[in-house]
Structure formats: structure tokens, C-alpha cells
PDB file of all heavy atoms in Angstrom:
ATOM      1  N   ALA A   1      -1.908   8.542 -13.174  1.00  0.00           N
ATOM      2  CA  ALA A   1      -2.740   9.078 -14.253  1.00  0.00           C
ATOM      3  C   ALA A   1      -3.629   8.004 -14.870  1.00  0.00           C
ATOM      4  O   ALA A   1      -4.741   8.297 -15.319  1.00  0.00           O
ATOM      5  CB  ALA A   1      -1.861   9.732 -15.312  1.00  0.00           C
ATOM      6  N   ALA A   2      -3.160   6.764 -14.902  1.00  0.00           N
ATOM      7  CA  ALA A   2      -3.911   5.680 -15.531  1.00  0.00           C
ATOM      8  C   ALA A   2      -4.704   4.840 -14.533  1.00  0.00           C
ATOM      9  O   ALA A   2      -5.490   3.976 -14.933  1.00  0.00           O
ATOM     10  CB  ALA A   2      -2.940   4.774 -16.295  1.00  0.00           C
ATOM     11  N   CYS A   3      -4.519   5.072 -13.265  1.00  0.00           N
ATOM     12  CA  CYS A   3      -5.102   4.250 -12.205  1.00  0.00           C
ATOM     13  C   CYS A   3      -6.631   4.327 -12.221  1.00  0.00           C
ATOM     14  O   CYS A   3      -7.208   5.424 -12.191  1.00  0.00           O
ATOM     15  CB  CYS A   3      -4.568   4.736 -10.867  1.00  0.00           C
ATOM     16  SG  CYS A   3      -4.676   3.548  -9.537  1.00  0.00           S
ATOM     17  N   PRO A   4      -7.307   3.184 -12.261  1.00  0.00           N
ATOM     18  CA  PRO A   4      -8.780   3.201 -12.191  1.00  0.00           C
ATOM     19  C   PRO A   4      -9.241   3.699 -10.812  1.00  0.00           C
ATOM     20  O   PRO A   4      -8.482   3.669  -9.843  1.00  0.00           O
ATOM     21  CB  PRO A   4      -9.179   1.744 -12.419  1.00  0.00           C
ATOM     22  CG  PRO A   4      -7.951   0.942 -12.214  1.00  0.00           C
ATOM     23  CD  PRO A   4      -6.775   1.823 -12.391  1.00  0.00           C
ATOM     24  N   ASP A   5     -10.492   4.129 -10.745  1.00  0.00           N
ATOM     25  CA  ASP A   5     -11.023   4.736  -9.532  1.00  0.00           C
ATOM     26  C   ASP A   5     -10.983   3.826  -8.306  1.00  0.00           C
ATOM     27  O   ASP A   5     -10.902   4.318  -7.186  1.00  0.00           O
ATOM     28  CB  ASP A   5     -12.470   5.199  -9.754  1.00  0.00           C
ATOM     29  CG  ASP A   5     -12.545   6.392 -10.697  1.00  0.00           C
ATOM     30  OD1 ASP A   5     -11.528   7.086 -10.871  1.00  0.00           O
ATOM     31  OD2 ASP A   5     -13.639   6.615 -11.259  1.00  0.00           O
ATOM     32  N   HIS A   6     -11.020   2.531  -8.489  1.00  0.00           N
ATOM     33  CA  HIS A   6     -11.046   1.624  -7.338  1.00  0.00           C
ATOM     34  C   HIS A   6      -9.652   1.341  -6.770  1.00  0.00           C
ATOM     35  O   HIS A   6      -9.518   0.599  -5.798  1.00  0.00           O
ATOM     36  CB  HIS A   6     -11.754   0.309  -7.687  1.00  0.00           C
ATOM     37  CG  HIS A   6     -11.021  -0.538  -8.659  1.00  0.00           C
ATOM     38  ND1 HIS A   6     -11.002  -0.286 -10.019  1.00  0.00           N
ATOM     39  CD2 HIS A   6     -10.261  -1.641  -8.475  1.00  0.00           C
ATOM     40  CE1 HIS A   6     -10.260  -1.200 -10.618  1.00  0.00           C
ATOM     41  NE2 HIS A   6      -9.810  -2.035  -9.704  1.00  0.00           N
ATOM     42  N   LEU A   7      -8.612   1.953  -7.360  1.00  0.00           N
ATOM     43  CA  LEU A   7      -7.243   1.789  -6.876  1.00  0.00           C
ATOM     44  C   LEU A   7      -6.604   3.165  -6.682  1.00  0.00           C
ATOM     45  O   LEU A   7      -7.079   4.154  -7.241  1.00  0.00           O
ATOM     46  CB  LEU A   7      -6.413   0.976  -7.868  1.00  0.00           C
ATOM     47  CG  LEU A   7      -6.859  -0.452  -8.150  1.00  0.00           C
ATOM     48  CD1 LEU A   7      -6.043  -1.062  -9.280  1.00  0.00           C
ATOM     49  CD2 LEU A   7      -6.772  -1.305  -6.883  1.00  0.00           C
ATOM     50  N   GLN A   8      -5.501   3.214  -5.910  1.00  0.00           N
ATOM     51  CA  GLN A   8      -4.745   4.451  -5.726  1.00  0.00           C
ATOM     52  C   GLN A   8      -3.260   4.174  -5.843  1.00  0.00           C
ATOM     53  O   GLN A   8      -2.787   3.080  -5.505  1.00  0.00           O
ATOM     54  CB  GLN A   8      -5.025   5.060  -4.354  1.00  0.00           C
ATOM     55  CG  GLN A   8      -6.405   5.638  -4.196  1.00  0.00           C
ATOM     56  CD  GLN A   8      -6.613   6.265  -2.834  1.00  0.00           C
ATOM     57  OE1 GLN A   8      -5.951   5.939  -1.867  1.00  0.00           O
ATOM     58  NE2 GLN A   8      -7.572   7.184  -2.768  1.00  0.00           N
ATOM     59  N   THR A   9      -2.539   5.205  -6.279  1.00  0.00           N
ATOM     60  CA  THR A   9      -1.081   5.144  -6.367  1.00  0.00           C
ATOM     61  C   THR A   9      -0.486   5.911  -5.184  1.00  0.00           C
ATOM     62  O   THR A   9      -0.958   7.001  -4.858  1.00  0.00           O
ATOM     63  CB  THR A   9      -0.591   5.789  -7.670  1.00  0.00           C
ATOM     64  OG1 THR A   9      -1.227   5.133  -8.767  1.00  0.00           O
ATOM     65  CG2 THR A   9       0.914   5.675  -7.817  1.00  0.00           C
ATOM     66  N   THR A  10       0.520   5.339  -4.549  1.00  0.00           N
ATOM     67  CA  THR A  10       1.201   6.010  -3.430  1.00  0.00           C
ATOM     68  C   THR A  10       2.711   5.882  -3.619  1.00  0.00           C
ATOM     69  O   THR A  10       3.184   5.078  -4.418  1.00  0.00           O
ATOM     70  CB  THR A  10       0.828   5.390  -2.069  1.00  0.00           C
ATOM     71  OG1 THR A  10       1.342   4.058  -2.009  1.00  0.00           O
ATOM     72  CG2 THR A  10      -0.673   5.370  -1.854  1.00  0.00           C
ATOM     73  N   ILE A  11       3.444   6.671  -2.856  1.00  0.00           N
ATOM     74  CA  ILE A  11       4.899   6.514  -2.795  1.00  0.00           C
ATOM     75  C   ILE A  11       5.293   6.332  -1.336  1.00  0.00           C
ATOM     76  O   ILE A  11       4.622   6.817  -0.429  1.00  0.00           O
ATOM     77  CB  ILE A  11       5.666   7.699  -3.419  1.00  0.00           C
ATOM     78  CG1 ILE A  11       5.321   9.010  -2.723  1.00  0.00           C
ATOM     79  CG2 ILE A  11       5.390   7.800  -4.908  1.00  0.00           C
ATOM     80  CD1 ILE A  11       6.224  10.150  -3.111  1.00  0.00           C
ATOM     81  N   GLU A  12       6.372   5.594  -1.138  1.00  0.00           N
ATOM     82  CA  GLU A  12       6.979   5.387   0.181  1.00  0.00           C
ATOM     83  C   GLU A  12       5.964   5.084   1.278  1.00  0.00           C
ATOM     84  O   GLU A  12       5.926   5.722   2.317  1.00  0.00           O
ATOM     85  CB  GLU A  12       7.850   6.596   0.544  1.00  0.00           C
ATOM     86  CG  GLU A  12       8.995   6.765  -0.423  1.00  0.00           C
ATOM     87  CD  GLU A  12       9.923   7.911  -0.079  1.00  0.00           C
ATOM     88  OE1 GLU A  12       9.610   8.705   0.839  1.00  0.00           O
ATOM     89  OE2 GLU A  12      10.970   8.007  -0.718  1.00  0.00           O
ATOM     90  N   LEU A  13       5.156   4.076   1.040  1.00  0.00           N
ATOM     91  CA  LEU A  13       4.139   3.645   1.984  1.00  0.00           C
ATOM     92  C   LEU A  13       4.701   2.541   2.884  1.00  0.00           C
ATOM     93  O   LEU A  13       5.346   1.605   2.402  1.00  0.00           O
ATOM     94  CB  LEU A  13       2.937   3.104   1.203  1.00  0.00           C
ATOM     95  CG  LEU A  13       1.717   2.641   1.970  1.00  0.00           C
ATOM     96  CD1 LEU A  13       1.045   3.834   2.654  1.00  0.00           C
ATOM     97  CD2 LEU A  13       0.737   1.963   1.021  1.00  0.00           C
ATOM     98  N   ASN A  14       4.479   2.649   4.199  1.00  0.00           N
ATOM     99  CA  ASN A  14       4.878   1.580   5.129  1.00  0.00           C
ATOM    100  C   ASN A  14       3.944   0.393   4.915  1.00  0.00           C
ATOM    101  O   ASN A  14       2.769   0.484   5.223  1.00  0.00           O
ATOM    102  CB  ASN A  14       4.741   2.040   6.580  1.00  0.00           C
ATOM    103  CG  ASN A  14       5.730   3.099   6.964  1.00  0.00           C
ATOM    104  OD1 ASN A  14       6.885   3.063   6.587  1.00  0.00           O
ATOM    105  ND2 ASN A  14       5.259   4.062   7.745  1.00  0.00           N
ATOM    106  N   VAL A  15       4.479  -0.708   4.384  1.00  0.00           N
ATOM    107  CA  VAL A  15       3.669  -1.891   4.116  1.00  0.00           C
ATOM    108  C   VAL A  15       4.049  -2.979   5.117  1.00  0.00           C
ATOM    109  O   VAL A  15       5.204  -3.386   5.205  1.00  0.00           O
ATOM    110  CB  VAL A  15       3.876  -2.396   2.669  1.00  0.00           C
ATOM    111  CG1 VAL A  15       3.110  -3.698   2.436  1.00  0.00           C
ATOM    112  CG2 VAL A  15       3.451  -1.338   1.660  1.00  0.00           C
ATOM    113  N   LEU A  16       3.043  -3.424   5.872  1.00  0.00           N
ATOM    114  CA  LEU A  16       3.243  -4.484   6.855  1.00  0.00           C
ATOM    115  C   LEU A  16       3.050  -5.827   6.155  1.00  0.00           C
ATOM    116  O   LEU A  16       1.938  -6.191   5.785  1.00  0.00           O
ATOM    117  CB  LEU A  16       2.257  -4.340   8.008  1.00  0.00           C
ATOM    118  CG  LEU A  16       2.382  -5.365   9.121  1.00  0.00           C
ATOM    119  CD1 LEU A  16       3.746  -5.293   9.802  1.00  0.00           C
ATOM    120  CD2 LEU A  16       1.271  -5.163  10.143  1.00  0.00           C
ATOM    121  N   LEU A  17       4.156  -6.556   5.937  1.00  0.00           N
ATOM    122  CA  LEU A  17       4.083  -7.859   5.263  1.00  0.00           C
ATOM    123  C   LEU A  17       3.660  -8.945   6.243  1.00  0.00           C
ATOM    124  O   LEU A  17       2.914  -9.848   5.899  1.00  0.00           O
ATOM    125  CB  LEU A  17       5.436  -8.226   4.646  1.00  0.00           C
ATOM    126  CG  LEU A  17       5.975  -7.294   3.568  1.00  0.00           C
ATOM    127  CD1 LEU A  17       7.297  -7.837   3.032  1.00  0.00           C
ATOM    128  CD2 LEU A  17       4.981  -7.092   2.450  1.00  0.00           C
ATOM    129  N   SER A  18       4.188  -8.899   7.448  1.00  0.00           N
ATOM    130  CA  SER A  18       3.836  -9.827   8.514  1.00  0.00           C
ATOM    131  C   SER A  18       4.298  -9.181   9.807  1.00  0.00           C
ATOM    132  O   SER A  18       4.848  -8.079   9.795  1.00  0.00           O
ATOM    133  CB  SER A  18       4.513 -11.187   8.315  1.00  0.00           C
ATOM    134  OG  SER A  18       5.919 -11.068   8.447  1.00  0.00           O
ATOM    135  N   SER A  19       4.133  -9.867  10.900  1.00  0.00           N
ATOM    136  CA  SER A  19       4.423  -9.244  12.195  1.00  0.00           C
ATOM    137  C   SER A  19       5.883  -8.825  12.360  1.00  0.00           C
ATOM    138  O   SER A  19       6.170  -7.966  13.164  1.00  0.00           O
ATOM    139  CB  SER A  19       4.026 -10.185  13.327  1.00  0.00           C
ATOM    140  OG  SER A  19       4.780 -11.377  13.245  1.00  0.00           O
ATOM    141  N   GLY A  20       6.793  -9.393  11.632  1.00  0.00           N
ATOM    142  CA  GLY A  20       8.195  -9.007  11.753  1.00  0.00           C
ATOM    143  C   GLY A  20       8.775  -8.399  10.496  1.00  0.00           C
ATOM    144  O   GLY A  20       9.988  -8.329  10.361  1.00  0.00           O
ATOM    145  N   ARG A  21       7.905  -7.946   9.601  1.00  0.00           N
ATOM    146  CA  ARG A  21       8.395  -7.434   8.320  1.00  0.00           C
ATOM    147  C   ARG A  21       7.656  -6.166   7.905  1.00  0.00           C
ATOM    148  O   ARG A  21       6.462  -6.210   7.606  1.00  0.00           O
ATOM    149  CB  ARG A  21       8.262  -8.500   7.231  1.00  0.00           C
ATOM    150  CG  ARG A  21       9.136  -9.694   7.499  1.00  0.00           C
ATOM    151  CD  ARG A  21       8.946 -10.779   6.480  1.00  0.00           C
ATOM    152  NE  ARG A  21       9.900 -11.840   6.714  1.00  0.00           N
ATOM    153  CZ  ARG A  21       9.817 -13.029   6.170  1.00  0.00           C
ATOM    154  NH1 ARG A  21       8.832 -13.330   5.336  1.00  0.00           N
ATOM    155  NH2 ARG A  21      10.737 -13.944   6.422  1.00  0.00           N
ATOM    156  N   LEU A  22       8.364  -5.077   7.894  1.00  0.00           N
ATOM    157  CA  LEU A  22       7.829  -3.783   7.488  1.00  0.00           C
ATOM    158  C   LEU A  22       8.734  -3.240   6.390  1.00  0.00           C
ATOM    159  O   LEU A  22       9.926  -3.065   6.609  1.00  0.00           O
ATOM    160  CB  LEU A  22       7.804  -2.815   8.672  1.00  0.00           C
ATOM    161  CG  LEU A  22       7.333  -1.400   8.379  1.00  0.00           C
ATOM    162  CD1 LEU A  22       5.848  -1.397   8.035  1.00  0.00           C
ATOM    163  CD2 LEU A  22       7.613  -0.497   9.570  1.00  0.00           C
ATOM    164  N   VAL A  23       8.177  -3.026   5.202  1.00  0.00           N
ATOM    165  CA  VAL A  23       8.966  -2.531   4.074  1.00  0.00           C
ATOM    166  C   VAL A  23       8.365  -1.228   3.561  1.00  0.00           C
ATOM    167  O   VAL A  23       7.212  -0.902   3.838  1.00  0.00           O
ATOM    168  CB  VAL A  23       9.055  -3.562   2.928  1.00  0.00           C
ATOM    169  CG1 VAL A  23       9.814  -4.811   3.372  1.00  0.00           C
ATOM    170  CG2 VAL A  23       7.669  -3.932   2.424  1.00  0.00           C
ATOM    171  N   ILE A  24       9.170  -0.501   2.804  1.00  0.00           N
ATOM    172  CA  ILE A  24       8.730   0.771   2.238  1.00  0.00           C
ATOM    173  C   ILE A  24       9.069   0.763   0.747  1.00  0.00           C
ATOM    174  O   ILE A  24      10.142   1.187   0.341  1.00  0.00           O
ATOM    175  CB  ILE A  24       9.420   1.969   2.934  1.00  0.00           C
ATOM    176  CG1 ILE A  24       9.250   1.882   4.445  1.00  0.00           C
ATOM    177  CG2 ILE A  24       8.858   3.285   2.382  1.00  0.00           C
ATOM    178  CD1 ILE A  24      10.076   2.897   5.226  1.00  0.00           C
ATOM    179  N   PRO A  25       8.168   0.250  -0.092  1.00  0.00           N
ATOM    180  CA  PRO A  25       8.428   0.269  -1.533  1.00  0.00           C
ATOM    181  C   PRO A  25       8.514   1.717  -2.030  1.00  0.00           C
ATOM    182  O   PRO A  25       7.931   2.619  -1.435  1.00  0.00           O
ATOM    183  CB  PRO A  25       7.201  -0.440  -2.134  1.00  0.00           C
ATOM    184  CG  PRO A  25       6.561  -1.160  -0.993  1.00  0.00           C
ATOM    185  CD  PRO A  25       6.905  -0.388   0.235  1.00  0.00           C
ATOM    186  N   ASP A  26       9.198   1.911  -3.144  1.00  0.00           N
ATOM    187  CA  ASP A  26       9.300   3.252  -3.721  1.00  0.00           C
ATOM    188  C   ASP A  26       7.935   3.767  -4.143  1.00  0.00           C
ATOM    189  O   ASP A  26       7.621   4.933  -3.963  1.00  0.00           O
ATOM    190  CB  ASP A  26      10.260   3.268  -4.908  1.00  0.00           C
ATOM    191  CG  ASP A  26      11.705   3.048  -4.469  1.00  0.00           C
ATOM    192  OD1 ASP A  26      12.062   3.513  -3.374  1.00  0.00           O
ATOM    193  OD2 ASP A  26      12.461   2.413  -5.221  1.00  0.00           O
ATOM    194  N   PHE A  27       7.110   2.894  -4.735  1.00  0.00           N
ATOM    195  CA  PHE A  27       5.746   3.273  -5.102  1.00  0.00           C
ATOM    196  C   PHE A  27       4.867   2.034  -5.047  1.00  0.00           C
ATOM    197  O   PHE A  27       5.364   0.905  -5.118  1.00  0.00           O
ATOM    198  CB  PHE A  27       5.674   3.947  -6.488  1.00  0.00           C
ATOM    199  CG  PHE A  27       6.350   3.181  -7.589  1.00  0.00           C
ATOM    200  CD1 PHE A  27       5.649   2.253  -8.338  1.00  0.00           C
ATOM    201  CD2 PHE A  27       7.693   3.402  -7.900  1.00  0.00           C
ATOM    202  CE1 PHE A  27       6.266   1.542  -9.362  1.00  0.00           C
ATOM    203  CE2 PHE A  27       8.313   2.692  -8.912  1.00  0.00           C
ATOM    204  CZ  PHE A  27       7.603   1.766  -9.647  1.00  0.00           C
ATOM    205  N   THR A  28       3.561   2.258  -4.866  1.00  0.00           N
ATOM    206  CA  THR A  28       2.622   1.152  -4.740  1.00  0.00           C
ATOM    207  C   THR A  28       1.309   1.491  -5.433  1.00  0.00           C
ATOM    208  O   THR A  28       0.979   2.656  -5.628  1.00  0.00           O
ATOM    209  CB  THR A  28       2.287   0.854  -3.260  1.00  0.00           C
ATOM    210  OG1 THR A  28       1.799   2.037  -2.649  1.00  0.00           O
ATOM    211  CG2 THR A  28       3.479   0.349  -2.494  1.00  0.00           C
ATOM    212  N   ILE A  29       0.580   0.448  -5.772  1.00  0.00           N
ATOM    213  CA  ILE A  29      -0.818   0.547  -6.176  1.00  0.00           C
ATOM    214  C   ILE A  29      -1.575  -0.217  -5.099  1.00  0.00           C
ATOM    215  O   ILE A  29      -1.260  -1.368  -4.805  1.00  0.00           O
ATOM    216  CB  ILE A  29      -1.089  -0.096  -7.555  1.00  0.00           C
ATOM    217  CG1 ILE A  29      -0.234   0.545  -8.639  1.00  0.00           C
ATOM    218  CG2 ILE A  29      -2.575  -0.051  -7.893  1.00  0.00           C
ATOM    219  CD1 ILE A  29      -0.561   1.981  -8.931  1.00  0.00           C
ATOM    220  N   VAL A  30      -2.569   0.442  -4.503  1.00  0.00           N
ATOM    221  CA  VAL A  30      -3.311  -0.169  -3.398  1.00  0.00           C
ATOM    222  C   VAL A  30      -4.809  -0.021  -3.592  1.00  0.00           C
ATOM    223  O   VAL A  30      -5.277   0.845  -4.330  1.00  0.00           O
ATOM    224  CB  VAL A  30      -2.915   0.471  -2.038  1.00  0.00           C
ATOM    225  CG1 VAL A  30      -1.435   0.263  -1.749  1.00  0.00           C
ATOM    226  CG2 VAL A  30      -3.285   1.946  -1.998  1.00  0.00           C
ATOM    227  N   LYS A  31      -5.542  -0.891  -2.897  1.00  0.00           N
ATOM    228  CA  LYS A  31      -6.989  -0.737  -2.753  1.00  0.00           C
ATOM    229  C   LYS A  31      -7.152   0.257  -1.601  1.00  0.00           C
ATOM    230  O   LYS A  31      -6.681  -0.005  -0.497  1.00  0.00           O
ATOM    231  CB  LYS A  31      -7.635  -2.078  -2.407  1.00  0.00           C
ATOM    232  CG  LYS A  31      -7.438  -3.130  -3.461  1.00  0.00           C
ATOM    233  CD  LYS A  31      -7.958  -4.463  -2.962  1.00  0.00           C
ATOM    234  CE  LYS A  31      -7.506  -5.583  -3.885  1.00  0.00           C
ATOM    235  NZ  LYS A  31      -7.782  -6.913  -3.299  1.00  0.00           N
ATOM    236  N   PRO A  32      -7.792   1.400  -1.860  1.00  0.00           N
ATOM    237  CA  PRO A  32      -7.847   2.417  -0.813  1.00  0.00           C
ATOM    238  C   PRO A  32      -8.591   1.959   0.422  1.00  0.00           C
ATOM    239  O   PRO A  32      -9.557   1.209   0.332  1.00  0.00           O
ATOM    240  CB  PRO A  32      -8.593   3.587  -1.482  1.00  0.00           C
ATOM    241  CG  PRO A  32      -9.075   3.108  -2.780  1.00  0.00           C
ATOM    242  CD  PRO A  32      -8.494   1.773  -3.078  1.00  0.00           C
ATOM    243  N   ARG A  33      -8.090   2.383   1.562  1.00  0.00           N
ATOM    244  CA  ARG A  33      -8.703   2.065   2.852  1.00  0.00           C
ATOM    245  C   ARG A  33      -8.095   2.958   3.905  1.00  0.00           C
ATOM    246  O   ARG A  33      -7.024   3.510   3.705  1.00  0.00           O
ATOM    247  CB  ARG A  33      -8.516   0.603   3.210  1.00  0.00           C
ATOM    248  CG  ARG A  33      -7.055   0.271   3.481  1.00  0.00           C
ATOM    249  CD  ARG A  33      -6.816  -1.071   4.044  1.00  0.00           C
ATOM    250  NE  ARG A  33      -7.487  -1.212   5.318  1.00  0.00           N
ATOM    251  CZ  ARG A  33      -7.539  -2.316   6.016  1.00  0.00           C
ATOM    252  NH1 ARG A  33      -6.957  -3.379   5.584  1.00  0.00           N
ATOM    253  NH2 ARG A  33      -8.159  -2.375   7.179  1.00  0.00           N
ATOM    254  N   GLU A  34      -8.770   3.083   5.001  1.00  0.00           N
ATOM    255  CA  GLU A  34      -8.199   3.802   6.133  1.00  0.00           C
ATOM    256  C   GLU A  34      -7.173   2.887   6.788  1.00  0.00           C
ATOM    257  O   GLU A  34      -7.423   1.703   7.002  1.00  0.00           O
ATOM    258  CB  GLU A  34      -9.292   4.172   7.131  1.00  0.00           C
ATOM    259  CG  GLU A  34     -10.210   5.278   6.646  1.00  0.00           C
ATOM    260  CD  GLU A  34      -9.472   6.575   6.384  1.00  0.00           C
ATOM    261  OE1 GLU A  34      -8.624   6.998   7.197  1.00  0.00           O
ATOM    262  OE2 GLU A  34      -9.741   7.186   5.324  1.00  0.00           O
ATOM    263  N   ALA A  35      -6.025   3.439   7.077  1.00  0.00           N
ATOM    264  CA  ALA A  35      -4.975   2.669   7.738  1.00  0.00           C
ATOM    265  C   ALA A  35      -4.160   3.620   8.578  1.00  0.00           C
ATOM    266  O   ALA A  35      -4.124   4.818   8.317  1.00  0.00           O
ATOM    267  CB  ALA A  35      -4.096   1.960   6.704  1.00  0.00           C
ATOM    268  N   GLY A  36      -3.503   3.081   9.566  1.00  0.00           N
ATOM    269  CA  GLY A  36      -2.638   3.891  10.415  1.00  0.00           C
ATOM    270  C   GLY A  36      -1.279   4.057   9.761  1.00  0.00           C
ATOM    271  O   GLY A  36      -1.160   4.198   8.551  1.00  0.00           O
ATOM    272  N   VAL A  37      -0.258   3.971  10.555  1.00  0.00           N
ATOM    273  CA  VAL A  37       1.116   4.142  10.084  1.00  0.00           C
ATOM    274  C   VAL A  37       1.524   3.007   9.154  1.00  0.00           C
ATOM    275  O   VAL A  37       2.312   3.191   8.241  1.00  0.00           O
ATOM    276  CB  VAL A  37       2.087   4.225  11.281  1.00  0.00           C
ATOM    277  CG1 VAL A  37       3.531   4.254  10.839  1.00  0.00           C
ATOM    278  CG2 VAL A  37       1.771   5.439  12.140  1.00  0.00           C
ATOM    279  N   MET A  38       0.959   1.818   9.372  1.00  0.00           N
ATOM    280  CA  MET A  38       1.306   0.658   8.569  1.00  0.00           C
ATOM    281  C   MET A  38       0.112   0.247   7.709  1.00  0.00           C
ATOM    282  O   MET A  38      -1.008   0.135   8.200  1.00  0.00           O
ATOM    283  CB  MET A  38       1.729  -0.498   9.469  1.00  0.00           C
ATOM    284  CG  MET A  38       2.977  -0.185  10.266  1.00  0.00           C
ATOM    285  SD  MET A  38       3.427  -1.542  11.375  1.00  0.00           S
ATOM    286  CE  MET A  38       2.135  -1.448  12.610  1.00  0.00           C
ATOM    287  N   PHE A  39       0.373   0.003   6.435  1.00  0.00           N
ATOM    288  CA  PHE A  39      -0.670  -0.392   5.495  1.00  0.00           C
ATOM    289  C   PHE A  39      -0.625  -1.914   5.344  1.00  0.00           C
ATOM    290  O   PHE A  39       0.449  -2.487   5.122  1.00  0.00           O
ATOM    291  CB  PHE A  39      -0.431   0.279   4.134  1.00  0.00           C
ATOM    292  CG  PHE A  39      -1.646   0.292   3.257  1.00  0.00           C
ATOM    293  CD1 PHE A  39      -2.576   1.308   3.354  1.00  0.00           C
ATOM    294  CD2 PHE A  39      -1.851  -0.716   2.322  1.00  0.00           C
ATOM    295  CE1 PHE A  39      -3.707   1.320   2.546  1.00  0.00           C
ATOM    296  CE2 PHE A  39      -2.967  -0.708   1.511  1.00  0.00           C
ATOM    297  CZ  PHE A  39      -3.895   0.325   1.619  1.00  0.00           C
ATOM    298  N   PRO A  40      -1.779  -2.595   5.428  1.00  0.00           N
ATOM    299  CA  PRO A  40      -1.765  -4.063   5.348  1.00  0.00           C
ATOM    300  C   PRO A  40      -1.478  -4.567   3.937  1.00  0.00           C
ATOM    301  O   PRO A  40      -2.009  -4.052   2.954  1.00  0.00           O
ATOM    302  CB  PRO A  40      -3.184  -4.458   5.781  1.00  0.00           C
ATOM    303  CG  PRO A  40      -4.016  -3.257   5.477  1.00  0.00           C
ATOM    304  CD  PRO A  40      -3.121  -2.065   5.635  1.00  0.00           C
ATOM    305  N   VAL A  41      -0.656  -5.578   3.833  1.00  0.00           N
ATOM    306  CA  VAL A  41      -0.268  -6.126   2.540  1.00  0.00           C
ATOM    307  C   VAL A  41      -1.457  -6.686   1.770  1.00  0.00           C
ATOM    308  O   VAL A  41      -1.447  -6.741   0.540  1.00  0.00           O
ATOM    309  CB  VAL A  41       0.836  -7.194   2.702  1.00  0.00           C
ATOM    310  CG1 VAL A  41       0.299  -8.472   3.328  1.00  0.00           C
ATOM    311  CG2 VAL A  41       1.512  -7.485   1.376  1.00  0.00           C
ATOM    312  N   SER A  42      -2.507  -7.068   2.464  1.00  0.00           N
ATOM    313  CA  SER A  42      -3.676  -7.648   1.794  1.00  0.00           C
ATOM    314  C   SER A  42      -4.336  -6.690   0.816  1.00  0.00           C
ATOM    315  O   SER A  42      -5.055  -7.129  -0.078  1.00  0.00           O
ATOM    316  CB  SER A  42      -4.694  -8.110   2.838  1.00  0.00           C
ATOM    317  OG  SER A  42      -5.099  -7.018   3.656  1.00  0.00           O
ATOM    318  N   ASP A  43      -4.105  -5.396   0.955  1.00  0.00           N
ATOM    319  CA  ASP A  43      -4.693  -4.411   0.060  1.00  0.00           C
ATOM    320  C   ASP A  43      -3.679  -3.793  -0.905  1.00  0.00           C
ATOM    321  O   ASP A  43      -3.932  -2.766  -1.533  1.00  0.00           O
ATOM    322  CB  ASP A  43      -5.386  -3.311   0.870  1.00  0.00           C
ATOM    323  CG  ASP A  43      -6.635  -3.823   1.569  1.00  0.00           C
ATOM    324  OD1 ASP A  43      -7.351  -4.638   0.956  1.00  0.00           O
ATOM    325  OD2 ASP A  43      -6.879  -3.436   2.714  1.00  0.00           O
ATOM    326  N   VAL A  44      -2.516  -4.419  -1.034  1.00  0.00           N
ATOM    327  CA  VAL A  44      -1.486  -3.956  -1.970  1.00  0.00           C
ATOM    328  C   VAL A  44      -1.576  -4.784  -3.245  1.00  0.00           C
ATOM    329  O   VAL A  44      -1.515  -6.008  -3.204  1.00  0.00           O
ATOM    330  CB  VAL A  44      -0.071  -4.060  -1.349  1.00  0.00           C
ATOM    331  CG1 VAL A  44       0.995  -3.656  -2.365  1.00  0.00           C
ATOM    332  CG2 VAL A  44       0.023  -3.208  -0.085  1.00  0.00           C
ATOM    333  N   VAL A  45      -1.711  -4.102  -4.376  1.00  0.00           N
ATOM    334  CA  VAL A  45      -1.842  -4.770  -5.678  1.00  0.00           C
ATOM    335  C   VAL A  45      -0.507  -4.837  -6.397  1.00  0.00           C
ATOM    336  O   VAL A  45      -0.170  -5.835  -7.036  1.00  0.00           O
ATOM    337  CB  VAL A  45      -2.880  -4.023  -6.559  1.00  0.00           C
ATOM    338  CG1 VAL A  45      -2.957  -4.613  -7.948  1.00  0.00           C
ATOM    339  CG2 VAL A  45      -4.237  -4.026  -5.877  1.00  0.00           C
ATOM    340  N   LEU A  46       0.281  -3.754  -6.317  1.00  0.00           N
ATOM    341  CA  LEU A  46       1.568  -3.666  -7.009  1.00  0.00           C
ATOM    342  C   LEU A  46       2.543  -2.915  -6.128  1.00  0.00           C
ATOM    343  O   LEU A  46       2.180  -1.946  -5.473  1.00  0.00           O
ATOM    344  CB  LEU A  46       1.386  -2.904  -8.335  1.00  0.00           C
ATOM    345  CG  LEU A  46       2.624  -2.634  -9.185  1.00  0.00           C
ATOM    346  CD1 LEU A  46       2.254  -2.640 -10.666  1.00  0.00           C
ATOM    347  CD2 LEU A  46       3.290  -1.310  -8.833  1.00  0.00           C
TER     348      LEU A  46
END
């Protein structure tokens, strides 16, 4: 509800931290972008 337009809130997003690390935070704030099954950590804010 408070998220500015340049960011998005998600839940249970597959976040790729590095080549051997895939985590699923309960919720995230991200810079929106097209992504496949794994979302790159470089666009994760919270």
C-alpha cells in the first residue's frame, strides 16, 4: 500500500543470491523487471 511506483512488493519470490544460493523470503520489495523463475538479487531492495 505504501510502495512507491518504482518499486513492487512480492511474496515468496525465488531470489538468486549467487550460483549456489537460491532463497525464498516471505516477502520482498524489488525493482520491477522481467525475470524467469529466479529473480536476481541485484534488484532486491528489502
